Protein backbone atom coordinates (compact mmCIF):
# COMPACT_ATOMS: atom_id res chain seq x y z
CA UNK A 1 -45.42 67.09 12.03
CA UNK A 2 -43.27 69.30 14.20
CA UNK A 3 -42.24 68.76 17.82
CA UNK A 4 -44.07 71.92 18.90
CA UNK A 5 -46.98 72.22 21.37
CA UNK A 6 -49.18 72.67 18.29
CA UNK A 7 -49.08 68.87 17.78
CA UNK A 8 -52.37 68.36 19.52
CA UNK A 9 -53.20 65.10 17.73
CA UNK A 10 -49.98 63.09 17.93
CA UNK A 11 -50.93 59.45 17.23
CA UNK A 12 -47.66 58.26 18.74
CA UNK A 13 -48.83 59.34 22.21
CA UNK A 14 -51.28 57.44 24.31
CA UNK A 15 -53.89 59.69 25.89
CA UNK A 16 -51.97 61.74 28.46
CA UNK A 17 -55.18 62.93 30.09
CA UNK A 18 -56.52 59.63 31.37
CA UNK A 19 -55.20 56.17 32.27
CA UNK A 20 -56.86 53.21 30.56
CA UNK A 21 -60.24 52.73 32.32
CA UNK A 22 -61.38 49.56 34.00
CA UNK A 23 -64.58 48.43 32.33
CA UNK A 24 -66.43 50.45 29.63
CA UNK A 25 -64.94 53.83 28.80
CA UNK A 26 -67.27 56.61 30.01
CA UNK A 27 -68.23 59.02 27.24
CA UNK A 28 -69.95 62.41 27.26
CA UNK A 29 -71.58 63.11 23.89
CA UNK A 30 -72.23 66.70 22.83
CA UNK A 31 -74.56 67.22 19.92
CA UNK A 32 -76.22 63.84 20.34
CA UNK A 33 -79.18 64.46 18.01
CA UNK A 34 -77.04 65.56 15.06
CA UNK A 35 -75.41 63.44 12.39
CA UNK A 36 -72.19 62.77 14.33
CA UNK A 37 -74.09 62.20 17.56
CA UNK A 38 -76.54 59.64 16.18
CA UNK A 39 -73.75 57.71 14.50
CA UNK A 40 -71.64 57.81 17.68
CA UNK A 41 -74.60 56.33 19.59
CA UNK A 42 -74.77 53.55 17.04
CA UNK A 43 -71.10 52.78 17.66
CA UNK A 44 -71.62 52.78 21.44
CA UNK A 45 -74.70 50.57 21.38
CA UNK A 46 -72.93 48.01 19.22
CA UNK A 47 -70.03 47.94 21.66
CA UNK A 48 -71.55 47.94 25.20
CA UNK A 49 -68.46 46.31 26.64
CA UNK A 50 -66.25 49.10 25.41
CA UNK A 51 -68.24 52.32 25.93
CA UNK A 52 -70.87 53.82 28.18
CA UNK A 53 -72.44 57.23 27.53
CA UNK A 54 -73.00 59.04 30.82
CA UNK A 55 -74.20 62.42 29.50
CA UNK A 56 -75.66 63.86 26.29
CA UNK A 57 -76.39 67.36 25.05
CA UNK A 58 -78.32 68.96 22.21
CA UNK A 59 -79.65 72.35 21.21
CA UNK A 60 -83.31 71.38 21.88
CA UNK A 61 -84.84 71.25 18.44
CA UNK A 62 -85.52 67.48 18.69
CA UNK A 63 -86.61 66.96 22.29
CA UNK A 64 -88.32 63.63 21.61
CA UNK A 65 -85.19 62.15 20.07
CA UNK A 66 -83.04 63.55 22.91
CA UNK A 67 -85.28 61.87 25.52
CA UNK A 68 -85.32 58.61 23.58
CA UNK A 69 -81.51 58.65 23.44
CA UNK A 70 -81.25 59.37 27.16
CA UNK A 71 -83.54 56.41 28.00
CA UNK A 72 -81.83 54.02 25.65
CA UNK A 73 -78.35 54.91 26.90
CA UNK A 74 -79.32 55.22 30.58
CA UNK A 75 -77.44 58.51 30.94
CA UNK A 76 -76.95 60.37 34.20
CA UNK A 77 -77.26 63.88 32.71
CA UNK A 78 -79.01 65.54 29.79
CA UNK A 79 -78.08 69.09 28.73
CA UNK A 80 -80.18 71.30 26.48
CA UNK A 81 -79.23 74.75 25.22
CA UNK A 82 -82.76 76.13 25.00
CA UNK A 83 -84.09 76.72 28.47
CA UNK A 84 -87.65 76.99 27.17
CA UNK A 85 -87.45 73.24 26.24
CA UNK A 86 -86.96 72.03 29.81
CA UNK A 87 -90.61 71.33 30.63
CA UNK A 88 -91.15 69.49 27.36
CA UNK A 89 -87.92 67.57 27.85
CA UNK A 90 -88.88 66.53 31.37
CA UNK A 91 -92.23 65.23 30.21
CA UNK A 92 -90.59 63.35 27.34
CA UNK A 93 -88.07 61.80 29.72
CA UNK A 94 -90.88 60.68 32.08
CA UNK A 95 -92.68 59.06 29.18
CA UNK A 96 -89.61 57.17 27.96
CA UNK A 97 -88.07 56.21 31.28
CA UNK A 98 -91.39 55.01 32.65
CA UNK A 99 -92.23 54.29 36.28
CA UNK A 100 -89.52 52.95 38.55
CA UNK A 101 -86.59 54.54 36.74
CA UNK A 102 -85.09 57.71 38.09
CA UNK A 103 -84.88 60.57 35.63
CA UNK A 104 -81.49 61.98 34.62
CA UNK A 105 -80.34 65.36 35.79
CA UNK A 106 -81.19 68.19 33.39
CA UNK A 107 -78.80 71.06 32.63
CA UNK A 108 -80.26 73.94 30.64
CA UNK A 109 -79.06 77.16 29.05
CA UNK A 110 -76.33 78.35 26.68
CA UNK A 111 -73.62 77.10 29.04
CA UNK A 112 -75.13 73.67 29.64
CA UNK A 113 -72.96 71.81 27.15
CA UNK A 114 -69.80 73.31 28.61
CA UNK A 115 -70.92 72.41 32.13
CA UNK A 116 -71.57 68.86 31.00
CA UNK A 117 -68.19 68.65 29.25
CA UNK A 118 -66.47 69.31 32.56
CA UNK A 119 -68.20 66.43 34.34
CA UNK A 120 -66.30 63.22 35.19
CA UNK A 121 -65.68 60.97 32.20
CA UNK A 122 -62.85 59.59 30.09
CA UNK A 123 -63.66 61.11 26.71
CA UNK A 124 -65.79 64.02 25.51
CA UNK A 125 -66.99 63.72 21.92
CA UNK A 126 -67.77 67.25 20.69
CA UNK A 127 -70.18 66.78 17.81
CA UNK A 128 -71.75 70.26 18.05
CA UNK A 129 -71.95 72.20 14.78
CA UNK A 130 -70.51 75.71 14.67
CA UNK A 131 -68.36 77.91 16.85
CA UNK A 132 -70.75 77.53 19.80
CA UNK A 133 -68.74 74.38 20.40
CA UNK A 134 -65.74 76.41 21.59
CA UNK A 135 -66.72 76.73 25.26
CA UNK A 136 -67.39 72.95 25.60
CA UNK A 137 -64.04 72.20 23.91
CA UNK A 138 -62.23 74.44 26.39
CA UNK A 139 -64.12 72.91 29.31
CA UNK A 140 -63.23 69.37 28.26
CA UNK A 141 -59.56 70.23 27.87
CA UNK A 142 -59.42 72.14 31.17
CA UNK A 143 -60.90 69.11 32.90
CA UNK A 144 -58.19 66.88 31.52
CA UNK A 145 -60.52 64.74 29.41
CA UNK A 146 -59.61 63.17 26.09
CA UNK A 147 -61.35 65.26 23.41
CA UNK A 148 -62.74 63.42 20.39
CA UNK A 149 -63.12 66.48 18.20
CA UNK A 150 -65.74 66.62 15.42
CA UNK A 151 -66.46 70.30 16.07
CA UNK A 152 -63.60 71.67 13.95
CA UNK A 153 -64.92 75.24 14.34
CA UNK A 154 -63.96 75.36 18.01
CA UNK A 155 -60.33 74.63 17.21
CA UNK A 156 -60.29 77.00 14.24
CA UNK A 157 -61.89 80.02 15.91
CA UNK A 158 -60.28 79.34 19.29
CA UNK A 159 -56.80 78.80 17.82
CA UNK A 160 -54.30 79.72 20.55
CA UNK A 161 -56.97 79.38 23.27
CA UNK A 162 -57.19 75.67 22.43
CA UNK A 163 -53.53 75.03 21.69
CA UNK A 164 -52.46 76.57 24.98
CA UNK A 165 -54.78 74.25 26.93
CA UNK A 166 -54.39 70.96 25.12
CA UNK A 167 -51.67 68.52 26.08
CA UNK A 168 -49.89 66.77 23.22
CA UNK A 169 -52.07 63.89 22.09
CA UNK A 170 -55.10 65.00 24.16
CA UNK A 171 -57.17 65.67 21.02
CA UNK A 172 -58.15 62.80 18.73
CA UNK A 173 -59.78 64.10 15.51
CA UNK A 174 -63.10 62.78 14.26
CA UNK A 175 -63.20 64.46 10.85
CA UNK A 176 -62.55 61.68 8.31
CA UNK A 177 -59.69 63.70 6.76
CA UNK A 178 -57.92 64.40 10.01
CA UNK A 179 -58.51 60.87 11.24
CA UNK A 180 -56.81 59.68 8.07
CA UNK A 181 -53.86 62.00 8.63
CA UNK A 182 -53.71 60.84 12.25
CA UNK A 183 -53.39 57.21 11.11
CA UNK A 184 -51.01 57.84 8.21
CA UNK A 185 -48.65 59.83 10.42
CA UNK A 186 -47.84 56.61 12.25
CA UNK A 187 -45.80 55.62 9.20
CA UNK A 188 -42.86 57.91 9.90
CA UNK A 189 -41.20 60.27 12.31
CA UNK A 190 -42.05 63.93 12.59
CA UNK A 191 -38.86 64.92 10.74
CA UNK A 192 -39.79 62.62 7.82
CA UNK A 193 -43.12 64.32 7.04
CA UNK A 194 -42.98 66.36 3.84
CA UNK A 195 -46.63 67.22 3.15
CA UNK A 196 -50.14 66.64 4.36
CA UNK A 197 -52.58 65.99 1.47
CA UNK A 198 -56.23 66.57 2.34
CA UNK A 199 -58.71 65.00 -0.04
CA UNK A 200 -62.00 66.62 -1.11
CA UNK A 201 -64.95 65.02 -2.88
CA UNK A 202 -65.36 68.22 -4.89
CA UNK A 203 -68.97 68.42 -3.80
CA UNK A 204 -71.98 68.45 -6.15
CA UNK A 205 -70.50 71.11 -8.45
CA UNK A 206 -67.12 69.57 -9.24
CA UNK A 207 -66.00 70.54 -12.74
CA UNK A 208 -68.39 73.47 -13.10
CA UNK A 209 -66.89 76.87 -13.99
CA UNK A 210 -67.58 79.81 -11.69
CA UNK A 211 -70.08 81.36 -14.14
CA UNK A 212 -72.34 78.31 -13.83
CA UNK A 213 -72.24 78.44 -10.06
CA UNK A 214 -73.89 81.85 -9.78
CA UNK A 215 -77.38 80.31 -10.29
CA UNK A 216 -77.02 77.27 -8.06
CA UNK A 217 -80.04 76.61 -5.87
CA UNK A 218 -80.11 75.57 -2.20
CA UNK A 219 -81.63 72.20 -3.17
CA UNK A 220 -78.71 71.55 -5.54
CA UNK A 221 -76.15 72.64 -2.94
CA UNK A 222 -77.69 70.30 -0.33
CA UNK A 223 -77.41 67.26 -2.61
CA UNK A 224 -73.93 66.01 -1.63
CA UNK A 225 -72.79 63.09 -3.80
CA UNK A 226 -71.21 60.91 -1.09
CA UNK A 227 -71.88 62.18 2.44
CA UNK A 228 -75.10 62.67 4.47
CA UNK A 229 -74.58 65.70 6.73
CA UNK A 230 -76.35 68.68 8.24
CA UNK A 231 -77.30 71.67 6.01
CA UNK A 232 -74.50 74.02 7.06
CA UNK A 233 -71.73 71.43 6.61
CA UNK A 234 -73.30 70.25 3.32
CA UNK A 235 -73.29 73.79 1.90
CA UNK A 236 -69.74 74.27 3.22
CA UNK A 237 -68.77 71.14 1.29
CA UNK A 238 -70.39 72.55 -1.86
CA UNK A 239 -68.44 75.84 -1.59
CA UNK A 240 -65.37 73.93 -0.30
CA UNK A 241 -65.29 76.28 2.67
CA UNK A 242 -65.29 73.09 4.70
CA UNK A 243 -62.03 72.09 3.04
CA UNK A 244 -60.56 75.48 3.82
CA UNK A 245 -61.51 75.01 7.45
CA UNK A 246 -59.86 71.59 7.35
CA UNK A 247 -56.59 73.10 6.12
CA UNK A 248 -56.57 75.43 9.10
CA UNK A 249 -57.49 72.52 11.39
CA UNK A 250 -54.66 70.36 10.01
CA UNK A 251 -52.15 73.13 10.65
CA UNK A 252 -53.30 73.56 14.22
CA UNK A 253 -53.47 69.83 14.95
CA UNK A 254 -50.17 68.75 13.42
CA UNK A 255 -48.04 71.89 13.32
CA UNK A 256 -47.33 71.62 9.58
CA UNK A 257 -46.89 75.01 7.77
CA UNK A 258 -49.70 76.03 5.44
CA UNK A 259 -47.49 75.80 2.35
CA UNK A 260 -47.03 72.11 3.07
CA UNK A 261 -50.74 71.30 3.31
CA UNK A 262 -52.34 70.55 -0.08
CA UNK A 263 -55.90 69.82 -1.18
CA UNK A 264 -56.64 67.30 -3.94
CA UNK A 265 -60.06 66.41 -5.34
CA UNK A 266 -60.99 62.73 -5.02
CA UNK A 267 -64.67 62.27 -6.05
CA UNK A 268 -65.10 58.72 -4.77
CA UNK A 269 -64.26 59.72 -1.14
CA UNK A 270 -62.54 56.41 -0.36
CA UNK A 271 -59.08 57.87 0.29
CA UNK A 272 -59.70 60.26 3.15
CA UNK A 273 -56.29 61.95 3.22
CA UNK A 274 -52.60 61.18 2.70
CA UNK A 275 -49.18 61.96 4.13
CA UNK A 276 -46.21 62.42 1.82
CA UNK A 277 -42.84 61.68 3.36
CA UNK A 278 -39.41 63.12 2.53
CA UNK A 279 -38.28 59.98 0.70
CA UNK A 280 -41.09 60.41 -1.85
CA UNK A 281 -43.44 57.78 -0.46
CA UNK A 282 -47.08 58.55 0.30
CA UNK A 283 -49.29 56.76 2.82
CA UNK A 284 -53.05 56.95 2.32
CA UNK A 285 -55.90 55.85 4.62
CA UNK A 286 -58.79 54.33 2.71
CA UNK A 287 -62.25 53.14 3.69
CA UNK A 288 -65.79 53.51 2.36
CA UNK A 289 -67.39 56.87 3.27
CA UNK A 290 -68.80 55.98 6.69
CA UNK A 291 -68.28 58.31 9.66
CA UNK A 292 -68.65 55.48 12.14
CA UNK A 293 -65.07 54.42 11.47
CA UNK A 294 -63.37 57.68 12.49
CA UNK A 295 -65.86 58.09 15.37
CA UNK A 296 -65.00 54.64 16.70
CA UNK A 297 -61.26 55.27 16.28
CA UNK A 298 -61.50 58.50 18.30
CA UNK A 299 -63.59 56.89 21.05
CA UNK A 300 -61.41 53.79 21.34
CA UNK A 301 -57.90 55.13 20.63
CA UNK A 302 -55.24 53.80 21.08
CA UNK A 303 -57.23 50.61 20.37
CA UNK A 304 -59.28 50.07 17.23
CA UNK A 305 -62.90 48.98 17.49
CA UNK A 306 -63.45 45.72 15.59
CA UNK A 307 -66.14 45.92 12.91
CA UNK A 308 -66.67 49.67 13.35
CA UNK A 309 -67.52 50.02 9.64
CA UNK A 310 -67.41 47.95 6.46
CA UNK A 311 -63.98 47.74 4.77
CA UNK A 312 -63.24 48.25 1.10
CA UNK A 313 -64.35 45.22 -0.93
CA UNK A 314 -61.13 44.37 -2.72
CA UNK A 315 -62.83 41.56 -4.68
CA UNK A 316 -64.48 44.22 -6.85
CA UNK A 317 -62.85 46.49 -9.40
CA UNK A 318 -62.39 50.09 -8.30
CA UNK A 319 -61.44 53.25 -10.16
CA UNK A 320 -60.31 56.14 -7.98
CA UNK A 321 -59.66 59.59 -9.47
CA UNK A 322 -57.48 62.42 -8.17
CA UNK A 323 -57.41 65.88 -9.72
CA UNK A 324 -56.21 69.36 -8.76
CA UNK A 325 -58.54 71.84 -7.10
CA UNK A 326 -60.04 74.57 -9.33
CA UNK A 327 -59.32 77.59 -7.14
CA UNK A 328 -60.94 80.00 -9.64
CA UNK A 329 -64.34 78.30 -9.21
CA UNK A 330 -63.72 77.55 -5.52
CA UNK A 331 -61.59 80.29 -3.96
CA UNK A 332 -62.44 79.27 -0.40
CA UNK A 333 -59.27 77.21 0.14
CA UNK A 334 -56.79 79.98 -0.80
CA UNK A 335 -58.89 82.38 1.31
CA UNK A 336 -58.67 79.99 4.29
CA UNK A 337 -54.87 79.73 3.91
CA UNK A 338 -54.69 83.49 4.04
CA UNK A 339 -56.98 83.64 7.07
CA UNK A 340 -54.99 80.96 8.86
CA UNK A 341 -51.78 82.80 8.18
CA UNK A 342 -53.24 86.00 9.63
CA UNK A 343 -54.10 84.13 12.85
CA UNK A 344 -55.60 85.90 15.84
CA UNK A 345 -59.29 86.54 15.38
CA UNK A 346 -59.21 86.20 11.56
CA UNK A 347 -60.33 82.55 11.58
CA UNK A 348 -63.22 83.48 13.91
CA UNK A 349 -64.24 86.26 11.49
CA UNK A 350 -63.99 83.85 8.54
CA UNK A 351 -66.09 81.14 10.24
CA UNK A 352 -68.76 83.46 11.68
CA UNK A 353 -69.22 85.36 8.42
CA UNK A 354 -69.54 82.08 6.55
CA UNK A 355 -72.23 80.74 8.90
CA UNK A 356 -74.28 83.90 8.34
CA UNK A 357 -73.76 83.79 4.57
CA UNK A 358 -74.82 80.13 4.38
CA UNK A 359 -78.04 81.05 6.22
CA UNK A 360 -78.54 83.94 3.79
CA UNK A 361 -78.04 81.61 0.83
CA UNK A 362 -80.46 79.00 2.17
CA UNK A 363 -83.00 81.81 2.77
CA UNK A 364 -82.67 83.07 -0.78
CA UNK A 365 -80.94 86.35 0.11
CA UNK A 366 -77.53 85.56 -1.36
CA UNK A 367 -76.39 83.76 -4.50
CA UNK A 368 -74.15 80.72 -4.14
CA UNK A 369 -71.03 82.50 -5.28
CA UNK A 370 -71.88 85.38 -2.96
CA UNK A 371 -71.14 83.18 0.06
CA UNK A 372 -67.35 83.16 -0.29
CA UNK A 373 -67.25 86.61 -1.93
CA UNK A 374 -69.03 88.12 1.08
CA UNK A 375 -66.88 86.22 3.54
CA UNK A 376 -63.72 87.48 1.79
CA UNK A 377 -65.00 91.06 2.01
CA UNK A 378 -65.74 90.73 5.76
CA UNK A 379 -62.25 89.26 6.36
CA UNK A 380 -60.62 92.07 4.40
CA UNK A 381 -62.55 94.74 6.30
CA UNK A 382 -62.09 93.32 9.79
CA UNK A 383 -58.66 91.76 9.59
CA UNK A 384 -57.41 90.23 12.81
CA UNK A 385 -56.69 91.01 16.45
CA UNK A 386 -54.62 89.21 19.05
CA UNK A 387 -51.98 86.56 18.62
CA UNK A 388 -50.83 83.28 20.11
CA UNK A 389 -50.13 84.80 23.52
CA UNK A 390 -52.62 87.64 23.87
CA UNK A 391 -55.81 86.24 22.27
CA UNK A 392 -58.68 85.94 24.75
CA UNK A 393 -62.15 84.42 24.60
CA UNK A 394 -63.78 87.90 24.70
CA UNK A 395 -61.62 88.80 21.68
CA UNK A 396 -62.98 85.85 19.77
CA UNK A 397 -66.61 86.48 20.79
CA UNK A 398 -66.42 90.17 19.92
CA UNK A 399 -64.83 89.40 16.54
CA UNK A 400 -67.59 86.86 15.81
CA UNK A 401 -70.30 89.36 16.75
CA UNK A 402 -68.87 92.05 14.47
CA UNK A 403 -68.35 89.57 11.61
CA UNK A 404 -71.89 88.24 11.86
CA UNK A 405 -73.41 91.73 11.89
CA UNK A 406 -71.38 92.82 8.87
CA UNK A 407 -72.09 89.62 6.93
CA UNK A 408 -75.83 90.02 7.56
CA UNK A 409 -75.62 93.64 6.44
CA UNK A 410 -73.81 92.75 3.22
CA UNK A 411 -76.10 89.78 2.52
CA UNK A 412 -79.14 91.94 3.02
CA UNK A 413 -77.93 94.49 0.48
CA UNK A 414 -76.89 91.84 -2.00
CA UNK A 415 -80.45 91.65 -3.22
CA UNK A 416 -82.72 88.58 -3.54
CA UNK A 417 -81.75 85.70 -5.73
CA UNK A 418 -83.47 85.35 -9.07
CA UNK A 419 -86.64 83.29 -9.39
CA UNK A 420 -84.90 80.65 -11.48
CA UNK A 421 -82.21 80.17 -8.81
CA UNK A 422 -84.56 79.95 -5.84
């Protein structure tokens, strides 16, 4: 870890954005109906003396669940991205709040989550999936809130936009890998860090050669061996694009050069990442694969939340494997290193093209191996624009729009997948 402003997640710093609150810490939860959001709510409800959720947001695809969460948490504000869902949401809130309870304020539209992220609170947990989480990330940072970041895409595509805004230590990562690095970095000084080692489960296709991956089906790609996640993240884990994104995220969070960030395959997913120090020692953070632990750590930091998740049962025998990444079968990590080194809008191009290609794969328009191949072609064609000082939000949005259009064009001309693979 360097002493540069890029150290956005320095565990040695208490939150510079907010003093310790009196009473429960007020939380705004973005993406409440998704995997991260529902698990965060579980953490909050089991710790009512520590946390209180004051606002929640969601896209609008699960209005009933959103209203149920609002009533159970007693929030002040509910935000929904789809304006056409407002009437249905209001009726669902009336039904769940019942007579005698005032309804929460409703924010609606594409900017609703960002508006909510700027409201008074101590911590904003951004659990939105995809680069649409960028505007809420920027809003939370601009408002001086602590940002518990599960939406890695906003940091990756925003790059300098985020690093320029964030104070050192203002971001606490929620990804299990970056939470592990966050904790292991407490074991030494910045000058003593040699490497960051990010672990990967290897996904459902670990050990398969590239030739066998060409006929992988969506159902197979969605069957992750250790984690239960949304479809986009699950496919990203199968292609290891998710691990490539995590390498870029680790560089941006901790200021470590790309050549000193390694990926190792660990199928059991108990060791979430490691830090190697200059004296040859390595510190690892281990726990069963349960996202409630890193969520609780991010919400409660610098204090740990007792009983956040079950620990490793050391009374049982365990066998943990570690093996090198097969970059021939899974070229996404080397591609991500290249993209990260390019900087500017290249990460936004990489992420946007991948989101479109994952949709094309799940729709049967693109073979599994075509996801990363198509992303690489879009990155090569579109390159990058801007740098750490000149990159703007319009630059990022324009790059994403062009990348999505080109990825859809290439996926549409790739031809349908074979019957056996669909």
